[in-house]
PDB file of N, CA and C in Angstrom:
ATOM      1  N   MET A   1      34.099  -7.424  -8.829  1.00  0.00           N
ATOM      2  CA  MET A   1      34.794  -9.124  -8.688  1.00  0.00           C
ATOM      3  C   MET A   1      33.935  -9.831  -9.299  1.00  0.00           C
ATOM      4  N   LYS A   2      34.386 -11.113 -10.405  1.00  0.00           N
ATOM      5  CA  LYS A   2      34.139 -12.160 -10.782  1.00  0.00           C
ATOM      6  C   LYS A   2      33.926 -13.165 -10.564  1.00  0.00           C
ATOM      7  N   PHE A   3      33.117 -14.185 -10.349  1.00  0.00           N
ATOM      8  CA  PHE A   3      33.409 -15.193  -9.551  1.00  0.00           C
ATOM      9  C   PHE A   3      34.251 -16.281 -10.437  1.00  0.00           C
ATOM     10  N   ASP A   4      35.282 -16.717  -9.946  1.00  0.00           N
ATOM     11  CA  ASP A   4      35.657 -17.883 -10.251  1.00  0.00           C
ATOM     12  C   ASP A   4      35.754 -18.811  -9.921  1.00  0.00           C
ATOM     13  N   ASN A   5      36.369 -20.093  -9.876  1.00  0.00           N
ATOM     14  CA  ASN A   5      35.835 -21.388  -9.828  1.00  0.00           C
ATOM     15  C   ASN A   5      36.317 -22.337  -8.634  1.00  0.00           C
ATOM     16  N   SER A   6      37.200 -21.479  -7.747  1.00  0.00           N
ATOM     17  CA  SER A   6      37.370 -21.477  -6.184  1.00  0.00           C
ATOM     18  C   SER A   6      36.155 -20.534  -5.999  1.00  0.00           C
ATOM     19  N   ILE A   7      35.776 -19.496  -5.523  1.00  0.00           N
ATOM     20  CA  ILE A   7      34.566 -19.041  -5.315  1.00  0.00           C
ATOM     21  C   ILE A   7      33.477 -19.569  -5.505  1.00  0.00           C
ATOM     22  N   LYS A   8      33.312 -20.792  -6.404  1.00  0.00           N
ATOM     23  CA  LYS A   8      32.065 -21.332  -7.168  1.00  0.00           C
ATOM     24  C   LYS A   8      31.891 -22.522  -6.008  1.00  0.00           C
ATOM     25  N   LYS A   9      32.755 -23.395  -5.919  1.00  0.00           N
ATOM     26  CA  LYS A   9      33.310 -24.301  -4.882  1.00  0.00           C
ATOM     27  C   LYS A   9      32.800 -24.441  -3.986  1.00  0.00           C
ATOM     28  N   ARG A  10      33.384 -22.845  -3.028  1.00  0.00           N
ATOM     29  CA  ARG A  10      33.239 -22.334  -1.806  1.00  0.00           C
ATOM     30  C   ARG A  10      32.068 -22.080  -1.271  1.00  0.00           C
ATOM     31  N   PHE A  11      31.492 -21.355  -2.316  1.00  0.00           N
ATOM     32  CA  PHE A  11      29.906 -20.968  -2.453  1.00  0.00           C
ATOM     33  C   PHE A  11      28.659 -22.130  -2.141  1.00  0.00           C
ATOM     34  N   CYS A  12      28.882 -22.579  -2.870  1.00  0.00           N
ATOM     35  CA  CYS A  12      27.892 -24.085  -3.258  1.00  0.00           C
ATOM     36  C   CYS A  12      28.580 -25.084  -2.133  1.00  0.00           C
ATOM     37  N   GLY A  13      29.395 -25.275  -1.847  1.00  0.00           N
ATOM     38  CA  GLY A  13      29.691 -25.957  -0.641  1.00  0.00           C
ATOM     39  C   GLY A  13      28.908 -25.483   0.631  1.00  0.00           C
ATOM     40  N   ARG A  14      29.341 -24.066   0.733  1.00  0.00           N
ATOM     41  CA  ARG A  14      29.253 -23.676   2.070  1.00  0.00           C
ATOM     42  C   ARG A  14      27.495 -23.286   2.307  1.00  0.00           C
ATOM     43  N   HIS A  15      27.169 -22.879   1.505  1.00  0.00           N
ATOM     44  CA  HIS A  15      25.339 -22.531   1.618  1.00  0.00           C
ATOM     45  C   HIS A  15      24.631 -23.162   0.686  1.00  0.00           C
ATOM     46  N   LYS A  16      24.781 -24.747   0.345  1.00  0.00           N
ATOM     47  CA  LYS A  16      24.411 -25.383  -0.709  1.00  0.00           C
ATOM     48  C   LYS A  16      23.177 -25.864   0.443  1.00  0.00           C
ATOM     49  N   ALA A  17      23.129 -25.786   1.242  1.00  0.00           N
ATOM     50  CA  ALA A  17      21.735 -26.051   2.303  1.00  0.00           C
ATOM     51  C   ALA A  17      20.844 -24.978   2.603  1.00  0.00           C
ATOM     52  N   ILE A  18      21.248 -23.519   2.099  1.00  0.00           N
ATOM     53  CA  ILE A  18      20.386 -23.135   1.650  1.00  0.00           C
ATOM     54  C   ILE A  18      19.510 -22.861   0.715  1.00  0.00           C
ATOM     55  N   LEU A  19      20.280 -23.600  -0.513  1.00  0.00           N
ATOM     56  CA  LEU A  19      20.379 -23.914  -2.020  1.00  0.00           C
ATOM     57  C   LEU A  19      19.231 -24.893  -1.349  1.00  0.00           C
ATOM     58  N   GLU A  20      19.450 -25.768  -1.040  1.00  0.00           N
ATOM     59  CA  GLU A  20      18.682 -27.396  -1.015  1.00  0.00           C
ATOM     60  C   GLU A  20      16.865 -27.156  -0.046  1.00  0.00           C
ATOM     61  N   MET A  21      17.213 -26.063   0.611  1.00  0.00           N
ATOM     62  CA  MET A  21      16.070 -25.811   1.636  1.00  0.00           C
ATOM     63  C   MET A  21      14.622 -26.114   0.928  1.00  0.00           C
ATOM     64  N   ASP A  22      14.436 -25.130  -0.265  1.00  0.00           N
ATOM     65  CA  ASP A  22      13.076 -25.086  -0.923  1.00  0.00           C
ATOM     66  C   ASP A  22      13.539 -24.954  -2.509  1.00  0.00           C
ATOM     67  N   ASP A  23      13.020 -25.206  -3.707  1.00  0.00           N
ATOM     68  CA  ASP A  23      12.682 -25.289  -4.530  1.00  0.00           C
ATOM     69  C   ASP A  23      12.306 -23.952  -5.625  1.00  0.00           C
ATOM     70  N   PHE A  24      13.047 -23.192  -5.224  1.00  0.00           N
ATOM     71  CA  PHE A  24      13.609 -22.057  -6.149  1.00  0.00           C
ATOM     72  C   PHE A  24      12.431 -21.728  -7.680  1.00  0.00           C
ATOM     73  N   THR A  25      12.046 -22.700  -8.021  1.00  0.00           N
ATOM     74  CA  THR A  25      11.546 -22.444  -8.962  1.00  0.00           C
ATOM     75  C   THR A  25      10.532 -21.765  -9.620  1.00  0.00           C
ATOM     76  N   ASN A  26      10.179 -20.102 -10.600  1.00  0.00           N
ATOM     77  CA  ASN A  26       8.367 -19.849 -10.442  1.00  0.00           C
ATOM     78  C   ASN A  26       8.356 -19.182  -8.975  1.00  0.00           C
ATOM     79  N   LYS A  27       9.563 -18.878  -8.131  1.00  0.00           N
ATOM     80  CA  LYS A  27       9.292 -18.266  -7.050  1.00  0.00           C
ATOM     81  C   LYS A  27       9.709 -16.853  -7.100  1.00  0.00           C
ATOM     82  N   LYS A  28       9.529 -15.558  -6.367  1.00  0.00           N
ATOM     83  CA  LYS A  28       9.973 -14.524  -6.361  1.00  0.00           C
ATOM     84  C   LYS A  28      10.900 -14.102  -5.245  1.00  0.00           C
ATOM     85  N   ILE A  29      11.864 -13.715  -5.275  1.00  0.00           N
ATOM     86  CA  ILE A  29      12.805 -13.249  -4.240  1.00  0.00           C
ATOM     87  C   ILE A  29      12.924 -12.562  -4.397  1.00  0.00           C
ATOM     88  N   ILE A  30      13.377 -11.700  -2.582  1.00  0.00           N
ATOM     89  CA  ILE A  30      14.505 -10.161  -1.977  1.00  0.00           C
ATOM     90  C   ILE A  30      14.891 -10.571  -1.543  1.00  0.00           C
ATOM     91  N   ASP A  31      16.275 -10.384  -1.483  1.00  0.00           N
ATOM     92  CA  ASP A  31      17.894 -10.136  -1.700  1.00  0.00           C
ATOM     93  C   ASP A  31      17.747  -9.556  -0.836  1.00  0.00           C
ATOM     94  N   ILE A  32      17.973  -8.391   0.385  1.00  0.00           N
ATOM     95  CA  ILE A  32      18.060  -7.322   1.377  1.00  0.00           C
ATOM     96  C   ILE A  32      20.279  -8.289   1.331  1.00  0.00           C
ATOM     97  N   GLY A  33      20.690  -7.313   1.331  1.00  0.00           N
ATOM     98  CA  GLY A  33      22.511  -7.583   1.762  1.00  0.00           C
ATOM     99  C   GLY A  33      22.674  -8.887   0.702  1.00  0.00           C
ATOM    100  N   CYS A  34      22.438  -8.678  -0.292  1.00  0.00           N
ATOM    101  CA  CYS A  34      22.881  -9.268  -1.683  1.00  0.00           C
ATOM    102  C   CYS A  34      24.295  -9.418  -1.775  1.00  0.00           C
ATOM    103  N   GLY A  35      25.086  -8.654  -1.315  1.00  0.00           N
ATOM    104  CA  GLY A  35      26.531  -8.833  -1.588  1.00  0.00           C
ATOM    105  C   GLY A  35      27.251  -8.774  -2.953  1.00  0.00           C
ATOM    106  N   ILE A  36      28.134  -9.688  -3.262  1.00  0.00           N
ATOM    107  CA  ILE A  36      28.535 -10.128  -4.935  1.00  0.00           C
ATOM    108  C   ILE A  36      27.183 -10.689  -5.370  1.00  0.00           C
ATOM    109  N   GLY A  37      26.319 -11.195  -5.245  1.00  0.00           N
ATOM    110  CA  GLY A  37      25.143 -12.381  -6.034  1.00  0.00           C
ATOM    111  C   GLY A  37      25.004 -13.472  -6.002  1.00  0.00           C
ATOM    112  N   TRP A  38      25.863 -14.080  -4.648  1.00  0.00           N
ATOM    113  CA  TRP A  38      26.254 -15.403  -4.634  1.00  0.00           C
ATOM    114  C   TRP A  38      24.676 -16.505  -4.944  1.00  0.00           C
ATOM    115  N   PHE A  39      23.971 -15.869  -4.086  1.00  0.00           N
ATOM    116  CA  PHE A  39      22.803 -16.235  -3.860  1.00  0.00           C
ATOM    117  C   PHE A  39      22.280 -16.292  -5.858  1.00  0.00           C
ATOM    118  N   GLU A  40      21.854 -14.768  -5.818  1.00  0.00           N
ATOM    119  CA  GLU A  40      21.546 -15.016  -7.140  1.00  0.00           C
ATOM    120  C   GLU A  40      22.034 -16.146  -8.302  1.00  0.00           C
ATOM    121  N   TYR A  41      23.123 -15.659  -8.499  1.00  0.00           N
ATOM    122  CA  TYR A  41      23.966 -16.902  -9.282  1.00  0.00           C
ATOM    123  C   TYR A  41      22.925 -18.081  -9.152  1.00  0.00           C
ATOM    124  N   PHE A  42      23.658 -18.666  -7.881  1.00  0.00           N
ATOM    125  CA  PHE A  42      22.502 -19.910  -7.524  1.00  0.00           C
ATOM    126  C   PHE A  42      20.871 -20.391  -8.400  1.00  0.00           C
ATOM    127  N   THR A  43      20.327 -18.931  -8.123  1.00  0.00           N
ATOM    128  CA  THR A  43      18.425 -19.190  -8.134  1.00  0.00           C
ATOM    129  C   THR A  43      18.636 -18.319  -9.397  1.00  0.00           C
ATOM    130  N   ALA A  44      19.064 -17.585  -9.854  1.00  0.00           N
ATOM    131  CA  ALA A  44      18.689 -16.535 -10.961  1.00  0.00           C
ATOM    132  C   ALA A  44      17.917 -17.919 -12.519  1.00  0.00           C
ATOM    133  N   ARG A  45      18.587 -18.233 -12.643  1.00  0.00           N
ATOM    134  CA  ARG A  45      18.232 -19.443 -13.144  1.00  0.00           C
ATOM    135  C   ARG A  45      16.761 -20.352 -13.184  1.00  0.00           C
ATOM    136  N   LYS A  46      16.238 -20.116 -12.062  1.00  0.00           N
ATOM    137  CA  LYS A  46      14.778 -21.180 -11.599  1.00  0.00           C
ATOM    138  C   LYS A  46      14.188 -19.858 -11.420  1.00  0.00           C
ATOM    139  N   ALA A  47      14.589 -18.943 -10.943  1.00  0.00           N
ATOM    140  CA  ALA A  47      13.307 -17.958 -10.035  1.00  0.00           C
ATOM    141  C   ALA A  47      12.491 -17.341 -11.092  1.00  0.00           C
ATOM    142  N   GLU A  48      11.477 -16.400 -10.863  1.00  0.00           N
ATOM    143  CA  GLU A  48      10.732 -15.747 -11.655  1.00  0.00           C
ATOM    144  C   GLU A  48      11.289 -14.410 -11.541  1.00  0.00           C
ATOM    145  N   LYS A  49      11.699 -13.888 -10.505  1.00  0.00           N
ATOM    146  CA  LYS A  49      11.834 -12.842 -10.127  1.00  0.00           C
ATOM    147  C   LYS A  49      12.458 -12.863  -9.115  1.00  0.00           C
ATOM    148  N   ILE A  50      14.318 -11.926  -9.321  1.00  0.00           N
ATOM    149  CA  ILE A  50      14.692 -11.559  -8.196  1.00  0.00           C
ATOM    150  C   ILE A  50      14.922 -10.340  -7.724  1.00  0.00           C
ATOM    151  N   ILE A  51      14.997  -9.639  -6.931  1.00  0.00           N
ATOM    152  CA  ILE A  51      14.786  -8.542  -6.669  1.00  0.00           C
ATOM    153  C   ILE A  51      15.971  -8.398  -5.695  1.00  0.00           C
ATOM    154  N   ALA A  52      17.326  -7.688  -5.981  1.00  0.00           N
ATOM    155  CA  ALA A  52      18.529  -7.307  -4.711  1.00  0.00           C
ATOM    156  C   ALA A  52      18.729  -6.563  -4.479  1.00  0.00           C
ATOM    157  N   SER A  53      19.168  -6.182  -3.810  1.00  0.00           N
ATOM    158  CA  SER A  53      20.249  -4.424  -2.774  1.00  0.00           C
ATOM    159  C   SER A  53      20.672  -5.319  -2.063  1.00  0.00           C
ATOM    160  N   ASP A  54      21.659  -3.737  -1.871  1.00  0.00           N
ATOM    161  CA  ASP A  54      22.987  -4.009  -0.793  1.00  0.00           C
ATOM    162  C   ASP A  54      23.319  -2.380  -0.922  1.00  0.00           C
ATOM    163  N   ILE A  55      23.947  -2.346   0.205  1.00  0.00           N
ATOM    164  CA  ILE A  55      24.341  -0.834   0.446  1.00  0.00           C
ATOM    165  C   ILE A  55      25.030  -0.372   0.190  1.00  0.00           C
ATOM    166  N   SER A  56      26.212  -1.373  -1.097  1.00  0.00           N
ATOM    167  CA  SER A  56      27.367  -1.307  -1.231  1.00  0.00           C
ATOM    168  C   SER A  56      27.466  -1.319  -2.633  1.00  0.00           C
ATOM    169  N   GLU A  57      27.338   0.138  -3.580  1.00  0.00           N
ATOM    170  CA  GLU A  57      27.390   0.186  -5.060  1.00  0.00           C
ATOM    171  C   GLU A  57      28.095  -0.677  -5.541  1.00  0.00           C
ATOM    172  N   LYS A  58      29.315  -0.792  -5.438  1.00  0.00           N
ATOM    173  CA  LYS A  58      30.250  -1.502  -6.145  1.00  0.00           C
ATOM    174  C   LYS A  58      30.290  -3.302  -5.972  1.00  0.00           C
ATOM    175  N   ASP A  59      29.433  -3.366  -4.922  1.00  0.00           N
ATOM    176  CA  ASP A  59      29.206  -4.940  -4.448  1.00  0.00           C
ATOM    177  C   ASP A  59      27.763  -5.350  -5.355  1.00  0.00           C
ATOM    178  N   LEU A  60      26.807  -4.577  -5.590  1.00  0.00           N
ATOM    179  CA  LEU A  60      25.258  -4.521  -6.415  1.00  0.00           C
ATOM    180  C   LEU A  60      26.034  -4.786  -7.733  1.00  0.00           C
ATOM    181  N   GLU A  61      27.209  -3.999  -8.072  1.00  0.00           N
ATOM    182  CA  GLU A  61      27.532  -4.085  -9.573  1.00  0.00           C
ATOM    183  C   GLU A  61      28.271  -5.147  -9.711  1.00  0.00           C
ATOM    184  N   ALA A  62      29.089  -5.664  -9.116  1.00  0.00           N
ATOM    185  CA  ALA A  62      29.176  -7.025  -9.092  1.00  0.00           C
ATOM    186  C   ALA A  62      28.064  -8.385  -9.249  1.00  0.00           C
ATOM    187  N   ALA A  63      27.014  -7.849  -8.509  1.00  0.00           N
ATOM    188  CA  ALA A  63      26.250  -8.513  -8.674  1.00  0.00           C
ATOM    189  C   ALA A  63      25.574  -8.952 -10.073  1.00  0.00           C
ATOM    190  N   LYS A  64      25.192  -8.263 -10.060  1.00  0.00           N
ATOM    191  CA  LYS A  64      24.666  -8.037 -11.616  1.00  0.00           C
ATOM    192  C   LYS A  64      25.511  -8.006 -13.210  1.00  0.00           C
ATOM    193  N   ARG A  65      26.406  -8.073 -12.492  1.00  0.00           N
ATOM    194  CA  ARG A  65      28.029  -9.012 -13.619  1.00  0.00           C
ATOM    195  C   ARG A  65      28.283 -10.301 -13.655  1.00  0.00           C
ATOM    196  N   ASN A  66      27.564 -10.835 -12.266  1.00  0.00           N
ATOM    197  CA  ASN A  66      27.542 -12.143 -12.059  1.00  0.00           C
ATOM    198  C   ASN A  66      26.589 -13.358 -12.145  1.00  0.00           C
ATOM    199  N   VAL A  67      24.931 -12.578 -12.096  1.00  0.00           N
ATOM    200  CA  VAL A  67      23.666 -12.865 -12.526  1.00  0.00           C
ATOM    201  C   VAL A  67      23.702 -12.769 -14.387  1.00  0.00           C
TER     202      VAL A  67
END
């Protein structure tokens, strides 16, 4: 699954508070249960390193493509 504009808008609106809670610049992040990678999509450009895992190999592959 690739992010399209409607998905980006939905995630951006729904999770804006989470993303504004902290400045992820130069931080190391571990995301367990990353799904298709919405969090990684929005933080990858700032974080020093992101480690993401998910039980679903299909979702994990989608997350890799979305970052």
